Amino acid sequence: MTKIPLLFLLVLSGCSSFSFYSEVVNSIKVVVLPNNLEITQEFYNDFEYSFVQATFGRSDSVIMVLEEYDRPHYKWVSSDGIRITTNSFGKVVETEGLPNDLYLTGITKENIIDIKGLGSYSSDFYSPRLTQALTLTNLSSQQKSNIMYLGNQRSFTLYEERISIPSIYWNEKNYYWMDGKKIIKTIQTLSPNQSSLELTFYIK
């Protein structure tokens, strides 16, 4: 059985009496997880609140707790105040505290199945500044893909999203693993010259 770090156990015991996500965030300490640590079913069951395991590039993973849910948006927060907002199919639509924060507008569909095919939205970046940049997207479903989730090898539907911002000649691919309409995992590049972000979702 995978050992859970002592620091994580301390966080669990300190959070068990809170009833609101904001109180959990205020009480939580820095939780850094080695990249080889798997989130098991036991690990998930022992954690009282929804969370994501976030990894930028090759850095160690961190736990981000669900601070707020305002359908269809989930706002995740780390212990050092970084915030990432995702929509219901896992696309990152806003960040706070990253080297180049972003804010996306014009994504109106809640179900990833409804937005398959060609589409567009607007992207704002903050460093360097770029506002209302037309972003083209082409979303397609792939064959079933096997990944590790909650300690087991499981099969999910993989979606590939090709995005481009013609004004800055930027092209990228993002990936989403879905269990029906439920997001399981995503790998996205949020802005040019930034490492990819991997998010694995554990929603209660």
Protein backbone atom coordinates (compact mmCIF):
# COMPACT_ATOMS: atom_id res chain seq x y z
CA MET A 1 0.00 0.00 0.00
CA THR A 2 1.28 3.49 -0.85
CA LYS A 3 2.30 5.43 2.21
CA ILE A 4 0.63 8.80 2.72
CA PRO A 5 3.07 11.52 3.81
CA LEU A 6 2.88 12.46 7.48
CA LEU A 7 2.30 16.09 6.54
CA PHE A 8 -0.79 15.09 4.58
CA LEU A 9 -2.15 13.17 7.54
CA LEU A 10 -1.69 16.24 9.71
CA VAL A 11 -3.64 18.27 7.19
CA LEU A 12 -6.45 15.74 7.21
CA SER A 13 -6.76 15.77 10.99
CA GLY A 14 -6.72 19.56 11.02
CA CYS A 15 -9.45 19.88 8.40
CA SER A 16 -11.92 17.26 9.52
CA SER A 17 -14.00 19.58 11.69
CA PHE A 18 -14.58 22.29 9.06
CA SER A 19 -17.77 22.47 7.03
CA PHE A 20 -16.85 25.03 4.37
CA TYR A 21 -14.16 24.85 1.71
CA SER A 22 -12.87 28.33 2.51
CA GLU A 23 -12.14 27.27 6.08
CA VAL A 24 -10.29 24.23 4.78
CA VAL A 25 -8.13 26.41 2.56
CA ASN A 26 -7.32 28.77 5.44
CA SER A 27 -6.23 25.88 7.63
CA ILE A 28 -4.35 23.76 5.11
CA LYS A 29 -0.55 23.58 5.04
CA VAL A 30 1.66 23.11 1.99
CA VAL A 31 1.08 19.62 0.61
CA VAL A 32 3.67 18.54 -1.95
CA LEU A 33 3.36 15.06 -3.38
CA PRO A 34 6.20 13.21 -5.10
CA ASN A 35 5.34 12.53 -8.73
CA ASN A 36 5.53 8.79 -8.13
CA LEU A 37 2.85 8.91 -5.41
CA GLU A 38 -0.49 7.60 -6.62
CA ILE A 39 -3.79 8.77 -5.19
CA THR A 40 -5.43 5.53 -4.05
CA GLN A 41 -9.07 4.87 -3.21
CA GLU A 42 -8.13 4.96 0.48
CA PHE A 43 -6.37 8.31 0.02
CA TYR A 44 -9.47 9.69 -1.71
CA ASN A 45 -11.88 8.31 0.89
CA ASP A 46 -9.90 9.84 3.76
CA PHE A 47 -9.93 13.32 2.23
CA GLU A 48 -13.20 15.00 3.11
CA TYR A 49 -13.36 17.51 0.25
CA SER A 50 -13.04 17.64 -3.52
CA PHE A 51 -9.50 18.30 -4.73
CA VAL A 52 -7.22 18.16 -7.76
CA GLN A 53 -3.68 16.87 -8.03
CA ALA A 54 -1.85 19.53 -10.05
CA THR A 55 1.52 19.19 -11.76
CA PHE A 56 3.31 21.85 -13.79
CA GLY A 57 5.80 20.31 -16.20
CA ARG A 58 8.23 18.07 -14.31
CA SER A 59 7.70 19.67 -10.91
CA ASP A 60 6.29 17.81 -7.92
CA SER A 61 2.52 17.60 -7.62
CA VAL A 62 0.49 19.69 -5.22
CA ILE A 63 -3.01 19.34 -3.84
CA MET A 64 -5.48 22.11 -4.67
CA VAL A 65 -8.74 22.15 -2.72
CA LEU A 66 -12.13 23.13 -4.11
CA GLU A 67 -12.77 26.61 -2.74
CA GLU A 68 -15.94 27.43 -4.62
CA TYR A 69 -18.39 25.85 -7.05
CA ASP A 70 -20.49 28.21 -9.15
CA ARG A 71 -21.93 26.09 -11.94
CA PRO A 72 -20.32 25.36 -14.29
CA HIS A 73 -17.10 26.68 -12.72
CA TYR A 74 -14.88 25.05 -10.11
CA LYS A 75 -12.34 27.27 -8.33
CA TRP A 76 -9.36 25.35 -6.95
CA VAL A 77 -6.85 26.95 -4.56
CA SER A 78 -3.42 25.94 -3.31
CA SER A 79 -2.02 26.67 0.12
CA ASP A 80 0.11 29.51 -1.28
CA GLY A 81 -2.87 31.26 -2.85
CA ILE A 82 -2.66 30.15 -6.49
CA ARG A 83 -6.15 29.78 -7.94
CA ILE A 84 -7.22 27.84 -11.01
CA THR A 85 -10.79 27.90 -12.30
CA THR A 86 -12.02 25.07 -14.52
CA ASN A 87 -15.35 24.53 -16.21
CA SER A 88 -17.39 21.35 -16.00
CA PHE A 89 -15.29 19.50 -18.59
CA GLY A 90 -11.98 20.51 -17.02
CA LYS A 91 -10.85 23.35 -19.28
CA VAL A 92 -8.89 26.00 -17.39
CA VAL A 93 -10.74 29.30 -17.91
CA GLU A 94 -8.99 31.55 -15.36
CA THR A 95 -5.84 31.56 -13.22
CA GLU A 96 -4.52 33.78 -10.43
CA GLY A 97 -0.94 33.76 -9.20
CA LEU A 98 0.85 32.18 -12.16
CA PRO A 99 3.69 33.88 -14.10
CA ASN A 100 1.28 34.54 -16.99
CA ASP A 101 -2.32 34.46 -15.80
CA LEU A 102 -5.16 33.95 -18.23
CA TYR A 103 -8.86 34.65 -18.51
CA LEU A 104 -11.03 33.02 -21.17
CA THR A 105 -14.44 34.24 -22.28
CA GLY A 106 -16.98 33.00 -24.77
CA ILE A 107 -17.03 29.32 -23.80
CA THR A 108 -20.75 28.82 -23.33
CA LYS A 109 -21.25 25.05 -23.46
CA GLU A 110 -21.11 22.99 -20.26
CA ASN A 111 -20.90 19.55 -21.85
CA ILE A 112 -17.76 18.62 -23.78
CA ILE A 113 -19.89 16.55 -26.16
CA ASP A 114 -21.82 19.69 -27.16
CA ILE A 115 -18.71 21.59 -28.24
CA LYS A 116 -17.09 18.91 -30.40
CA GLY A 117 -15.89 20.30 -33.69
CA LEU A 118 -14.81 23.82 -34.59
CA GLY A 119 -15.30 26.74 -32.22
CA SER A 120 -13.75 29.92 -30.87
CA TYR A 121 -13.39 32.00 -27.72
CA SER A 122 -11.38 34.99 -26.47
CA SER A 123 -8.15 34.77 -24.46
CA ASP A 124 -6.65 37.39 -22.15
CA PHE A 125 -3.04 37.04 -20.96
CA TYR A 126 -1.41 39.29 -18.38
CA SER A 127 2.36 38.92 -18.82
CA PRO A 128 2.93 39.96 -21.53
CA ARG A 129 -0.42 41.69 -21.87
CA LEU A 130 -2.75 40.44 -24.59
CA THR A 131 -6.50 41.08 -24.52
CA GLN A 132 -9.42 39.59 -26.38
CA ALA A 133 -7.23 37.43 -28.60
CA LEU A 134 -9.31 35.32 -30.94
CA THR A 135 -8.64 31.67 -30.08
CA LEU A 136 -9.70 28.93 -32.48
CA THR A 137 -10.47 25.46 -31.20
CA ASN A 138 -11.09 22.08 -32.79
CA LEU A 139 -12.22 19.38 -30.36
CA SER A 140 -12.40 15.72 -31.33
CA SER A 141 -12.91 12.48 -29.43
CA GLN A 142 -10.34 9.72 -29.65
CA GLN A 143 -10.43 6.03 -28.85
CA LYS A 144 -10.60 4.79 -25.29
CA SER A 145 -7.44 5.48 -23.31
CA ASN A 146 -6.18 3.58 -20.26
CA ILE A 147 -4.75 5.58 -17.35
CA MET A 148 -4.15 4.96 -13.66
CA TYR A 149 -6.91 6.39 -11.48
CA LEU A 150 -7.49 5.70 -7.80
CA GLY A 151 -4.88 2.97 -7.85
CA ASN A 152 -6.33 1.04 -10.79
CA GLN A 153 -5.83 0.96 -14.55
CA ARG A 154 -9.09 2.27 -16.02
CA SER A 155 -10.42 3.13 -19.47
CA PHE A 156 -11.78 6.59 -20.28
CA THR A 157 -12.73 8.51 -23.42
CA LEU A 158 -9.89 10.77 -24.55
CA TYR A 159 -10.66 14.11 -26.22
CA GLU A 160 -8.04 16.11 -28.10
CA GLU A 161 -8.37 19.86 -28.42
CA ARG A 162 -6.31 21.74 -30.99
CA ILE A 163 -6.11 25.44 -30.18
CA SER A 164 -4.51 28.33 -32.02
CA ILE A 165 -4.19 32.10 -31.63
CA PRO A 166 -3.45 33.37 -35.14
CA SER A 167 -2.42 36.87 -34.00
CA ILE A 168 0.64 35.49 -32.16
CA TYR A 169 1.15 32.35 -34.29
CA TRP A 170 0.58 30.05 -31.33
CA ASN A 171 -0.67 26.47 -31.73
CA GLU A 172 -1.09 23.83 -29.04
CA LYS A 173 -2.87 20.59 -28.18
CA ASN A 174 -4.80 19.89 -24.97
CA TYR A 175 -6.13 16.56 -23.74
CA TYR A 176 -9.14 15.56 -21.63
CA TRP A 177 -10.00 12.15 -20.19
CA MET A 178 -13.72 11.85 -19.51
CA ASP A 179 -15.89 9.28 -17.77
CA GLY A 180 -19.14 10.03 -19.53
CA LYS A 181 -19.70 13.71 -18.66
CA LYS A 182 -17.32 13.63 -15.69
CA ILE A 183 -13.80 15.00 -16.07
CA ILE A 184 -11.07 12.70 -14.78
CA LYS A 185 -7.82 14.19 -16.03
CA THR A 186 -6.54 16.89 -18.35
CA ILE A 187 -3.20 18.06 -19.73
CA GLN A 188 -3.26 21.64 -20.99
CA THR A 189 -0.80 24.31 -22.05
CA LEU A 190 -2.24 27.57 -20.77
CA SER A 191 -0.07 30.13 -22.54
CA PRO A 192 2.99 30.40 -24.80
CA ASN A 193 6.37 29.62 -23.19
CA GLN A 194 4.75 27.91 -20.21
CA SER A 195 5.03 24.28 -19.12
CA SER A 196 1.98 22.10 -19.51
CA LEU A 197 -0.39 21.72 -16.56
CA GLU A 198 -1.67 18.28 -15.61
CA LEU A 199 -4.79 18.15 -13.45
CA THR A 200 -6.34 14.97 -12.07
CA PHE A 201 -9.78 15.53 -10.56
CA TYR A 202 -11.17 13.93 -7.42
CA ILE A 203 -14.63 15.39 -7.05
CA LYS A 204 -16.82 14.28 -4.16
